[in-house]
Amino acid sequence: MHPSAESIFFILFLVFILGILFLDLKVIGRHSHVISFREALTWTIVWVSLAILFYLFLIFYGDLIHGLRNITDLEALKAHIAKYKHPVKITDDMTIALALAKYRSNMGLEYITGYLIEYSLSVDNVFVMLMVFLSFGVNKKYYKKVLFWGILGAIIMRFVFIFVSAALIARFAWILYIFGGFLVVTGIFMFLNRNKEEKIDPHHHPVVRFTSRYFLVYPRQVGDRFFIRKGGVFYLTPLFLVLLVIEFTDVIFAVDSVPAIFAVTKDPFIVFFSNIFAILGLRSLFFLLMNFMTRFRYLKHGLAFLLVFIGLKMLLHHPLEEIGFETIHSLIIIVLILGISVAFSLLKRKNETDTTTGDDDANEKQT
């Protein structure tokens, strides 16, 4: 195992991601415009495809991340697996090639499960971001620029959050129980408040009040600019305040989503990769769903159950390991929870549509 190999791979990964973002900002979407449904769908397919391609990369070449490609010692591989608590059983009669294949397969499974968790929880984040834009009266053609810089800031904050959390978990294993309890409580509160109407006050939001206290804020929006200089005085624009609120919102959601992925894997690199690919797809998901949020009535119910399940898994991880509960079982349960919530949402909407159509037909006959 070579720490230098981990660093090299991590740097190359970041260069690749930043390169795609730069291409999107400076070449493909250099002009502010309203994102169409077709463009949002195209980019959603692109980001999801990249996430799936990375899953395939892990299946065939995942051992490159930790510099295990040329490892010949079975005991060294076992030590690495134990370090990150991967649920992989390596026996002494295995060849190193078979053991590595089993390790890579589990790594890919942990990644795709974590990605699904993060991407699912992002749906709730989409709803809050839409409320932020509407509350601040942001022109739709500026949504993309704000979300671009918001995502870039989220990548930096997630990096810090994930690797600090991983270091704490490695040193104090009992923190997992705190994370688990927190997720259970969060899921219960999400379920209890599922029908509560959420509002954002743009004038009294804590981020706005704090920023306005220490910086000069221009009284109106100036196109897509974040900063302006008037009469030699430097001002923040209201659009920059929106960006700060979006960043603050992501930090709040990271408190839920990052611990949730640690329920699946203790490898901080896998947690980071699954987080980043989900965050990268968040902007296109926002534009894809912003006009259809009301159609998924029971999705919040599903997310609440998802958080409770993940929290219980963290609290009961030792008993679950003893009965043979593995990552694949988590993935199946997560897919079932999300699938059932979406199916019930669509069924509910269909019934309401049929009822409305029936009422209209009855009214026409009476007329």
Protein backbone atom coordinates (compact mmCIF):
# COMPACT_ATOMS: atom_id res chain seq x y z
CA MET A 1 0.00 0.00 0.00
CA HIS A 2 1.46 3.30 -1.06
CA PRO A 3 0.10 6.58 0.35
CA SER A 4 1.74 8.32 -2.61
CA ALA A 5 -0.43 6.27 -4.99
CA GLU A 6 -3.53 7.44 -3.12
CA SER A 7 -2.40 11.07 -3.42
CA ILE A 8 -1.64 10.77 -7.13
CA PHE A 9 -5.00 9.15 -7.89
CA PHE A 10 -6.84 11.71 -5.78
CA ILE A 11 -5.15 14.63 -7.56
CA LEU A 12 -5.86 13.13 -11.00
CA PHE A 13 -9.49 12.62 -10.00
CA LEU A 14 -9.84 16.26 -8.92
CA VAL A 15 -8.15 17.49 -12.12
CA PHE A 16 -10.63 15.42 -14.16
CA ILE A 17 -13.65 16.75 -12.25
CA LEU A 18 -12.47 20.37 -12.35
CA GLY A 19 -11.74 20.00 -16.06
CA ILE A 20 -15.33 18.94 -16.76
CA LEU A 21 -16.69 21.79 -14.65
CA PHE A 22 -14.45 24.30 -16.43
CA LEU A 23 -15.60 22.94 -19.81
CA ASP A 24 -19.21 23.34 -18.72
CA LEU A 25 -18.70 26.91 -17.44
CA LYS A 26 -16.38 28.40 -20.06
CA VAL A 27 -17.21 26.49 -23.24
CA ILE A 28 -20.63 24.84 -23.19
CA GLY A 29 -22.52 27.20 -20.91
CA ARG A 30 -20.54 30.42 -21.02
CA HIS A 31 -23.70 32.50 -21.54
CA SER A 32 -26.35 32.84 -18.83
CA HIS A 33 -29.61 31.31 -20.07
CA VAL A 34 -32.70 29.49 -18.87
CA ILE A 35 -32.00 25.75 -18.80
CA SER A 36 -34.52 23.81 -20.86
CA PHE A 37 -35.91 20.43 -19.81
CA ARG A 38 -34.05 18.79 -22.71
CA GLU A 39 -30.71 20.31 -21.69
CA ALA A 40 -31.29 19.30 -18.05
CA LEU A 41 -32.16 15.75 -19.10
CA THR A 42 -29.05 15.54 -21.30
CA TRP A 43 -26.74 16.66 -18.51
CA THR A 44 -28.46 14.37 -16.02
CA ILE A 45 -27.75 11.43 -18.33
CA VAL A 46 -24.13 12.60 -18.71
CA TRP A 47 -23.50 12.83 -14.95
CA VAL A 48 -25.27 9.57 -14.13
CA SER A 49 -23.33 7.84 -16.94
CA LEU A 50 -20.03 9.14 -15.54
CA ALA A 51 -21.01 7.85 -12.09
CA ILE A 52 -21.77 4.41 -13.56
CA LEU A 53 -18.51 4.41 -15.54
CA PHE A 54 -16.63 5.14 -12.32
CA TYR A 55 -18.42 2.18 -10.73
CA LEU A 56 -17.12 -0.03 -13.56
CA PHE A 57 -13.66 1.45 -13.09
CA LEU A 58 -13.74 0.41 -9.43
CA ILE A 59 -14.85 -3.11 -10.36
CA PHE A 60 -11.87 -3.63 -12.68
CA TYR A 61 -9.22 -1.20 -11.39
CA GLY A 62 -10.34 -0.10 -7.91
CA ASP A 63 -7.20 -1.45 -6.30
CA LEU A 64 -5.25 1.36 -8.01
CA ILE A 65 -6.74 3.89 -5.59
CA HIS A 66 -4.85 2.54 -2.60
CA GLY A 67 -1.81 1.31 -4.53
CA LEU A 68 -2.74 -2.37 -4.25
CA ARG A 69 -2.39 -3.26 -7.93
CA ASN A 70 0.94 -5.07 -7.57
CA ILE A 71 0.45 -6.41 -4.06
CA THR A 72 1.57 -10.03 -3.60
CA ASP A 73 1.05 -10.50 0.13
CA LEU A 74 -2.39 -11.82 1.11
CA GLU A 75 -1.87 -10.72 4.72
CA ALA A 76 -1.18 -7.12 3.65
CA LEU A 77 -4.47 -7.11 1.72
CA LYS A 78 -6.29 -8.50 4.77
CA ALA A 79 -4.78 -5.72 6.90
CA HIS A 80 -5.98 -3.09 4.42
CA ILE A 81 -9.49 -4.58 4.36
CA ALA A 82 -9.55 -4.61 8.18
CA LYS A 83 -8.36 -0.98 8.29
CA TYR A 84 -11.44 0.25 6.43
CA LYS A 85 -13.71 -2.49 7.82
CA HIS A 86 -14.78 -3.75 4.40
CA PRO A 87 -17.18 -6.72 4.71
CA VAL A 88 -14.89 -8.89 2.58
CA LYS A 89 -13.83 -12.35 3.73
CA ILE A 90 -10.44 -13.41 2.44
CA THR A 91 -9.37 -17.00 3.12
CA ASP A 92 -5.81 -18.32 3.06
CA ASP A 93 -6.53 -20.67 0.18
CA MET A 94 -7.43 -17.77 -2.15
CA THR A 95 -5.08 -16.57 -4.83
CA ILE A 96 -4.11 -12.89 -4.64
CA ALA A 97 -5.91 -12.28 -7.95
CA LEU A 98 -9.17 -13.73 -6.64
CA ALA A 99 -8.85 -11.82 -3.35
CA LEU A 100 -8.29 -8.53 -5.20
CA ALA A 101 -11.26 -9.20 -7.47
CA LYS A 102 -13.46 -9.79 -4.43
CA TYR A 103 -12.12 -6.62 -2.81
CA ARG A 104 -12.77 -4.54 -5.96
CA SER A 105 -16.28 -5.93 -6.32
CA ASN A 106 -17.13 -4.89 -2.77
CA MET A 107 -15.53 -1.48 -3.31
CA GLY A 108 -17.75 -0.90 -6.35
CA LEU A 109 -20.82 -2.02 -4.42
CA GLU A 110 -20.05 0.34 -1.53
CA TYR A 111 -19.54 3.21 -3.96
CA ILE A 112 -22.77 2.73 -5.91
CA THR A 113 -24.78 2.29 -2.69
CA GLY A 114 -23.29 5.48 -1.24
CA TYR A 115 -23.94 7.29 -4.52
CA LEU A 116 -27.58 6.22 -4.50
CA ILE A 117 -28.00 7.41 -0.90
CA GLU A 118 -26.43 10.79 -1.61
CA TYR A 119 -28.27 11.30 -4.90
CA SER A 120 -31.59 10.42 -3.27
CA LEU A 121 -31.07 12.79 -0.35
CA SER A 122 -30.15 15.49 -2.89
CA VAL A 123 -33.78 15.58 -4.00
CA ASP A 124 -34.72 17.25 -0.72
CA ASN A 125 -31.84 19.66 -1.25
CA VAL A 126 -33.26 20.51 -4.69
CA PHE A 127 -36.55 21.56 -3.10
CA VAL A 128 -34.81 23.86 -0.61
CA MET A 129 -32.61 25.42 -3.30
CA LEU A 130 -35.69 26.14 -5.40
CA MET A 131 -37.26 27.91 -2.40
CA VAL A 132 -34.08 29.98 -1.99
CA PHE A 133 -34.17 31.14 -5.62
CA LEU A 134 -37.87 31.96 -5.49
CA SER A 135 -37.62 33.74 -2.13
CA PHE A 136 -34.79 35.96 -3.38
CA GLY A 137 -36.49 36.59 -6.72
CA VAL A 138 -33.54 35.32 -8.79
CA ASN A 139 -33.97 35.36 -12.57
CA LYS A 140 -34.05 31.78 -13.89
CA LYS A 141 -31.24 32.43 -16.36
CA TYR A 142 -28.85 33.01 -13.43
CA TYR A 143 -29.68 29.74 -11.65
CA LYS A 144 -26.97 27.83 -13.49
CA LYS A 145 -24.13 30.18 -12.55
CA VAL A 146 -25.10 30.23 -8.88
CA LEU A 147 -25.37 26.44 -8.77
CA PHE A 148 -22.03 26.03 -10.56
CA TRP A 149 -20.11 27.99 -7.93
CA GLY A 150 -22.25 26.46 -5.23
CA ILE A 151 -21.21 22.98 -6.35
CA LEU A 152 -17.56 23.99 -6.52
CA GLY A 153 -17.74 25.25 -2.94
CA ALA A 154 -19.59 22.09 -1.90
CA ILE A 155 -16.76 19.91 -3.26
CA ILE A 156 -14.24 21.75 -1.09
CA MET A 157 -16.42 21.59 2.03
CA ARG A 158 -17.28 17.93 1.50
CA PHE A 159 -13.58 17.10 1.18
CA VAL A 160 -12.87 18.65 4.58
CA PHE A 161 -15.98 17.20 6.21
CA ILE A 162 -15.43 13.66 4.92
CA PHE A 163 -11.76 13.26 5.75
CA VAL A 164 -12.11 14.90 9.17
CA SER A 165 -15.04 12.56 9.90
CA ALA A 166 -13.01 9.56 8.71
CA ALA A 167 -10.12 10.52 10.98
CA LEU A 168 -12.47 10.87 13.96
CA ILE A 169 -14.15 7.53 13.23
CA ALA A 170 -10.78 5.80 12.95
CA ARG A 171 -9.74 7.23 16.32
CA PHE A 172 -13.08 7.13 18.15
CA ALA A 173 -15.24 4.29 16.83
CA TRP A 174 -18.12 5.25 19.16
CA ILE A 175 -18.78 8.32 16.98
CA LEU A 176 -20.62 5.98 14.61
CA TYR A 177 -23.27 5.50 17.29
CA ILE A 178 -23.70 9.27 17.57
CA PHE A 179 -24.05 9.50 13.78
CA GLY A 180 -26.55 6.65 13.80
CA GLY A 181 -28.68 8.16 16.56
CA PHE A 182 -28.61 11.53 14.83
CA LEU A 183 -29.83 10.02 11.55
CA VAL A 184 -32.66 8.16 13.27
CA VAL A 185 -33.83 11.35 15.00
CA THR A 186 -33.47 13.34 11.76
CA GLY A 187 -35.51 10.77 9.86
CA ILE A 188 -38.28 10.81 12.49
CA PHE A 189 -38.47 14.61 12.44
CA MET A 190 -38.49 14.61 8.63
CA PHE A 191 -41.45 12.22 8.68
CA LEU A 192 -43.35 14.21 11.32
CA ASN A 193 -42.79 17.48 9.40
CA ARG A 194 -43.35 15.97 5.94
CA ASN A 195 -46.45 18.09 5.25
CA LYS A 196 -45.21 21.26 6.91
CA GLU A 197 -44.87 24.22 4.55
CA GLU A 198 -41.29 25.49 4.60
CA LYS A 199 -40.51 29.16 4.04
CA ILE A 200 -37.33 31.19 3.65
CA ASP A 201 -37.25 34.83 4.70
CA PRO A 202 -34.62 36.50 2.48
CA HIS A 203 -34.28 39.48 4.83
CA HIS A 204 -33.93 37.63 8.12
CA HIS A 205 -32.00 34.56 7.04
CA PRO A 206 -28.99 34.09 9.41
CA VAL A 207 -26.50 34.08 6.49
CA VAL A 208 -27.94 37.33 5.10
CA ARG A 209 -27.94 39.04 8.49
CA PHE A 210 -24.38 37.94 9.29
CA THR A 211 -23.00 38.97 5.87
CA SER A 212 -24.82 42.31 5.88
CA ARG A 213 -23.34 43.12 9.25
CA TYR A 214 -19.73 42.90 8.05
CA PHE A 215 -19.96 43.71 4.32
CA LEU A 216 -21.65 46.30 2.13
CA VAL A 217 -24.46 44.75 0.08
CA TYR A 218 -25.73 46.50 -3.03
CA PRO A 219 -29.51 47.11 -2.76
CA ARG A 220 -30.44 45.42 -6.05
CA GLN A 221 -29.28 42.65 -8.35
CA VAL A 222 -26.78 43.53 -11.08
CA GLY A 223 -27.20 40.89 -13.79
CA ASP A 224 -25.24 37.75 -12.98
CA ARG A 225 -22.48 39.57 -11.07
CA PHE A 226 -21.50 38.58 -7.54
CA PHE A 227 -19.45 41.73 -6.82
CA ILE A 228 -19.45 45.31 -8.08
CA ARG A 229 -17.51 48.48 -7.44
CA LYS A 230 -19.42 51.80 -7.32
CA GLY A 231 -17.69 55.11 -6.63
CA GLY A 232 -14.58 53.26 -5.51
CA VAL A 233 -16.58 51.23 -2.97
CA PHE A 234 -16.68 47.41 -3.10
CA TYR A 235 -20.13 45.79 -2.76
CA LEU A 236 -21.48 42.28 -2.59
CA THR A 237 -24.56 41.78 -4.75
CA PRO A 238 -27.78 40.06 -3.67
CA LEU A 239 -26.89 37.22 -6.06
CA PHE A 240 -23.77 36.54 -3.99
CA LEU A 241 -25.95 36.36 -0.87
CA VAL A 242 -28.01 33.71 -2.65
CA LEU A 243 -24.80 31.77 -3.34
CA LEU A 244 -23.86 31.95 0.35
CA VAL A 245 -27.31 30.70 1.37
CA ILE A 246 -26.98 27.80 -1.11
CA GLU A 247 -23.57 26.92 0.38
CA PHE A 248 -25.00 27.10 3.89
CA THR A 249 -27.85 24.82 2.82
CA ASP A 250 -25.39 22.26 1.46
CA VAL A 251 -23.49 22.23 4.76
CA ILE A 252 -26.74 21.46 6.58
CA PHE A 253 -27.50 18.61 4.20
CA ALA A 254 -23.94 17.29 4.44
CA VAL A 255 -24.52 16.75 8.17
CA ASP A 256 -27.15 14.16 7.16
CA SER A 257 -25.78 12.68 3.96
CA VAL A 258 -22.09 12.20 4.80
CA PRO A 259 -22.70 10.20 8.00
CA ALA A 260 -25.27 8.20 6.06
CA ILE A 261 -22.62 7.01 3.59
CA PHE A 262 -20.28 6.09 6.44
CA ALA A 263 -22.94 3.51 7.32
CA VAL A 264 -22.05 1.81 4.04
CA THR A 265 -18.27 2.20 3.95
CA LYS A 266 -15.52 3.46 6.23
CA ASP A 267 -13.19 4.15 3.29
CA PRO A 268 -13.05 7.99 3.06
CA PHE A 269 -12.07 7.82 -0.62
CA ILE A 270 -15.20 5.86 -1.52
CA VAL A 271 -17.31 8.25 0.59
CA PHE A 272 -15.75 11.21 -1.23
CA PHE A 273 -16.14 9.75 -4.72
CA SER A 274 -19.80 8.84 -4.19
CA ASN A 275 -20.46 12.29 -2.70
CA ILE A 276 -18.76 14.16 -5.52
CA PHE A 277 -20.53 12.34 -8.35
CA ALA A 278 -23.88 12.94 -6.63
CA ILE A 279 -23.06 16.64 -6.11
CA LEU A 280 -21.96 17.01 -9.73
CA GLY A 281 -25.32 15.68 -10.85
CA LEU A 282 -27.22 17.90 -8.42
CA ARG A 283 -27.44 20.93 -10.74
CA SER A 284 -28.91 19.03 -13.70
CA LEU A 285 -31.20 17.19 -11.27
CA PHE A 286 -32.39 20.56 -9.98
CA PHE A 287 -33.37 21.78 -13.46
CA LEU A 288 -34.92 18.41 -14.27
CA LEU A 289 -37.10 18.24 -11.16
CA MET A 290 -37.89 21.87 -10.32
CA ASN A 291 -41.13 21.77 -12.29
CA PHE A 292 -42.12 18.29 -11.10
CA MET A 293 -41.48 18.38 -7.34
CA THR A 294 -45.19 18.24 -6.47
CA ARG A 295 -45.59 14.97 -8.37
CA PHE A 296 -43.43 13.05 -5.86
CA ARG A 297 -45.71 13.50 -2.87
CA TYR A 298 -44.42 10.50 -0.92
CA LEU A 299 -40.73 10.94 -1.70
CA LYS A 300 -40.14 12.78 1.56
CA HIS A 301 -41.72 9.83 3.38
CA GLY A 302 -39.24 7.56 1.62
CA LEU A 303 -36.27 9.77 2.49
CA ALA A 304 -37.37 9.79 6.14
CA PHE A 305 -37.52 5.98 6.22
CA LEU A 306 -34.17 5.87 4.40
CA LEU A 307 -32.48 7.98 7.10
CA VAL A 308 -34.02 5.88 9.88
CA PHE A 309 -32.87 2.65 8.21
CA ILE A 310 -29.31 3.93 7.74
CA GLY A 311 -29.20 5.23 11.32
CA LEU A 312 -30.38 1.87 12.69
CA LYS A 313 -27.78 0.11 10.54
CA MET A 314 -25.06 2.22 12.18
CA LEU A 315 -26.43 1.58 15.66
CA LEU A 316 -26.79 -2.18 15.08
CA HIS A 317 -23.82 -2.82 12.80
CA HIS A 318 -22.25 -5.48 15.05
CA PRO A 319 -25.41 -7.65 15.36
CA LEU A 320 -26.07 -7.20 11.63
CA GLU A 321 -22.56 -8.34 10.76
CA GLU A 322 -23.03 -11.46 12.88
CA ILE A 323 -26.14 -12.49 10.94
CA GLY A 324 -24.40 -11.91 7.61
CA PHE A 325 -25.92 -8.55 6.62
CA GLU A 326 -23.79 -7.18 3.75
CA THR A 327 -23.61 -4.11 1.52
CA ILE A 328 -25.77 -5.75 -1.15
CA HIS A 329 -28.59 -6.11 1.39
CA SER A 330 -28.37 -2.38 2.18
CA LEU A 331 -28.53 -1.56 -1.53
CA ILE A 332 -31.64 -3.73 -2.01
CA ILE A 333 -33.45 -2.14 0.95
CA ILE A 334 -32.54 1.40 -0.19
CA VAL A 335 -33.80 0.72 -3.74
CA LEU A 336 -37.03 -0.76 -2.33
CA ILE A 337 -37.66 2.25 -0.05
CA LEU A 338 -37.13 4.75 -2.86
CA GLY A 339 -38.98 2.67 -5.44
CA ILE A 340 -42.05 2.24 -3.22
CA SER A 341 -42.19 5.97 -2.37
CA VAL A 342 -41.95 6.98 -6.05
CA ALA A 343 -44.51 4.33 -7.10
CA PHE A 344 -47.01 5.47 -4.46
CA SER A 345 -46.45 9.10 -5.51
CA LEU A 346 -47.19 8.35 -9.15
CA LEU A 347 -50.18 6.17 -8.24
CA LYS A 348 -51.60 8.91 -6.00
CA ARG A 349 -51.22 11.48 -8.77
CA LYS A 350 -52.89 9.15 -11.30
CA ASN A 351 -55.86 8.62 -8.98
CA GLU A 352 -56.20 12.38 -8.43
CA THR A 353 -56.04 12.98 -12.18
CA ASP A 354 -58.68 10.32 -12.83
CA THR A 355 -60.91 11.80 -10.11
CA THR A 356 -60.55 15.31 -11.51
CA THR A 357 -61.31 14.08 -15.02
CA GLY A 358 -64.37 12.24 -13.73
CA ASP A 359 -65.65 15.34 -11.93
CA ASP A 360 -65.16 17.45 -15.06
CA ASP A 361 -67.08 14.94 -17.16
CA ALA A 362 -69.91 14.90 -14.62
CA ASN A 363 -70.07 18.68 -14.61
CA GLU A 364 -70.22 18.78 -18.41
CA LYS A 365 -73.14 16.31 -18.43
CA GLN A 366 -75.05 18.38 -15.89
CA THR A 367 -74.47 21.48 -17.98
